Amino acid sequence: MTAKKVQVTSIQLTPQTRDRLYRLKFRRTYDEFLRELCELYEKTQAD
C-alpha cells in the first residue's frame, strides 16, 4: 500500500505571531486551525 503524499507550503511568521497562534490552536494542527479560521471568516463575509 502506498502512502498518500500531502503537499505543504511554508509561511513566514514573526515569533510573536507564531506564539499567539500556538496559544489559540489548542490541540489541533496548524493546518486544521487555519482552515477553521478561513471558514469562519468566509462565513462572516457571506452574512
N, C-alpha and C. Protein backbone atom coordinates (compact mmCIF):
# COMPACT_ATOMS: atom_id res chain seq x y z
N MET A 1 0.84 -1.18 0.00
CA MET A 1 0.00 0.00 0.00
C MET A 1 0.89 1.25 0.00
N THR A 2 0.63 2.19 -0.88
CA THR A 2 1.41 3.41 -0.99
C THR A 2 0.75 4.51 -0.16
N ALA A 3 1.56 5.18 0.64
CA ALA A 3 1.04 6.29 1.44
C ALA A 3 0.83 7.51 0.54
N LYS A 4 -0.25 8.21 0.78
CA LYS A 4 -0.56 9.42 0.02
C LYS A 4 0.36 10.54 0.50
N LYS A 5 1.05 11.17 -0.43
CA LYS A 5 1.94 12.28 -0.09
C LYS A 5 1.13 13.57 -0.06
N VAL A 6 1.21 14.28 1.05
CA VAL A 6 0.50 15.54 1.22
C VAL A 6 1.43 16.67 0.85
N GLN A 7 0.96 17.56 -0.02
CA GLN A 7 1.75 18.72 -0.37
C GLN A 7 1.53 19.81 0.66
N VAL A 8 2.60 20.42 1.10
CA VAL A 8 2.52 21.51 2.07
C VAL A 8 3.38 22.67 1.61
N THR A 9 3.09 23.83 2.15
CA THR A 9 3.88 25.03 1.90
C THR A 9 4.33 25.59 3.23
N SER A 10 5.12 26.60 3.19
CA SER A 10 5.52 27.26 4.43
C SER A 10 5.11 28.72 4.35
N ILE A 11 4.86 29.32 5.50
CA ILE A 11 4.55 30.73 5.57
C ILE A 11 5.51 31.36 6.58
N GLN A 12 5.79 32.61 6.38
CA GLN A 12 6.71 33.32 7.26
C GLN A 12 5.91 34.07 8.33
N LEU A 13 6.22 33.80 9.60
CA LEU A 13 5.56 34.45 10.73
C LEU A 13 6.62 34.99 11.67
N THR A 14 6.29 36.07 12.33
CA THR A 14 7.18 36.53 13.39
C THR A 14 7.01 35.57 14.57
N PRO A 15 8.01 35.47 15.42
CA PRO A 15 7.87 34.61 16.60
C PRO A 15 6.66 35.00 17.46
N GLN A 16 6.37 36.30 17.54
CA GLN A 16 5.23 36.74 18.35
C GLN A 16 3.91 36.22 17.76
N THR A 17 3.76 36.29 16.45
CA THR A 17 2.54 35.79 15.81
C THR A 17 2.45 34.29 15.96
N ARG A 18 3.55 33.59 15.76
CA ARG A 18 3.57 32.14 15.93
C ARG A 18 3.13 31.75 17.34
N ASP A 19 3.63 32.45 18.34
CA ASP A 19 3.27 32.15 19.73
C ASP A 19 1.79 32.41 19.99
N ARG A 20 1.25 33.48 19.42
CA ARG A 20 -0.18 33.77 19.58
C ARG A 20 -1.02 32.68 18.92
N LEU A 21 -0.63 32.27 17.72
CA LEU A 21 -1.36 31.20 17.04
C LEU A 21 -1.31 29.91 17.85
N TYR A 22 -0.14 29.61 18.39
CA TYR A 22 0.02 28.39 19.18
C TYR A 22 -0.94 28.37 20.36
N ARG A 23 -1.08 29.50 21.03
CA ARG A 23 -1.99 29.57 22.19
C ARG A 23 -3.44 29.43 21.76
N LEU A 24 -3.78 29.87 20.55
CA LEU A 24 -5.17 29.81 20.07
C LEU A 24 -5.57 28.44 19.52
N LYS A 25 -4.63 27.70 19.00
CA LYS A 25 -4.98 26.50 18.25
C LYS A 25 -5.31 25.29 19.13
N PHE A 26 -5.01 25.33 20.38
CA PHE A 26 -5.28 24.24 21.32
C PHE A 26 -4.62 22.96 20.82
N ARG A 27 -5.35 21.88 20.67
CA ARG A 27 -4.74 20.59 20.31
C ARG A 27 -4.88 20.24 18.84
N ARG A 28 -5.29 21.20 18.02
CA ARG A 28 -5.40 20.96 16.59
C ARG A 28 -4.05 21.21 15.93
N THR A 29 -3.92 20.74 14.71
CA THR A 29 -2.73 21.09 13.94
C THR A 29 -2.90 22.52 13.44
N TYR A 30 -1.82 23.15 13.03
CA TYR A 30 -1.92 24.49 12.46
C TYR A 30 -2.80 24.46 11.22
N ASP A 31 -2.68 23.42 10.40
CA ASP A 31 -3.48 23.34 9.19
C ASP A 31 -4.97 23.30 9.52
N GLU A 32 -5.36 22.47 10.47
CA GLU A 32 -6.78 22.39 10.87
C GLU A 32 -7.25 23.73 11.42
N PHE A 33 -6.45 24.34 12.27
CA PHE A 33 -6.82 25.61 12.87
C PHE A 33 -6.99 26.69 11.81
N LEU A 34 -6.06 26.79 10.89
CA LEU A 34 -6.13 27.84 9.87
C LEU A 34 -7.28 27.59 8.89
N ARG A 35 -7.59 26.34 8.59
CA ARG A 35 -8.76 26.05 7.75
C ARG A 35 -10.03 26.49 8.45
N GLU A 36 -10.14 26.20 9.75
CA GLU A 36 -11.31 26.64 10.54
C GLU A 36 -11.42 28.15 10.53
N LEU A 37 -10.30 28.82 10.72
CA LEU A 37 -10.28 30.28 10.73
C LEU A 37 -10.75 30.84 9.38
N CYS A 38 -10.28 30.26 8.29
CA CYS A 38 -10.71 30.69 6.96
C CYS A 38 -12.20 30.48 6.76
N GLU A 39 -12.72 29.33 7.21
CA GLU A 39 -14.15 29.04 7.09
C GLU A 39 -14.98 30.05 7.88
N LEU A 40 -14.54 30.37 9.09
CA LEU A 40 -15.26 31.35 9.90
C LEU A 40 -15.24 32.71 9.23
N TYR A 41 -14.11 33.10 8.70
CA TYR A 41 -14.01 34.38 8.02
C TYR A 41 -14.93 34.42 6.80
N GLU A 42 -14.90 33.37 5.99
CA GLU A 42 -15.74 33.32 4.79
C GLU A 42 -17.23 33.36 5.17
N LYS A 43 -17.58 32.70 6.25
CA LYS A 43 -18.97 32.71 6.69
C LYS A 43 -19.41 34.11 7.11
N THR A 44 -18.54 34.82 7.83
CA THR A 44 -18.90 36.18 8.27
C THR A 44 -18.99 37.14 7.09
N GLN A 45 -18.21 36.91 6.04
CA GLN A 45 -18.26 37.77 4.86
C GLN A 45 -19.49 37.51 4.03
N ALA A 46 -20.03 36.30 4.11
CA ALA A 46 -21.23 35.94 3.34
C ALA A 46 -22.50 36.52 3.99
N ASP A 47 -22.44 36.80 5.30
CA ASP A 47 -23.62 37.32 6.02
C ASP A 47 -23.93 38.75 5.72
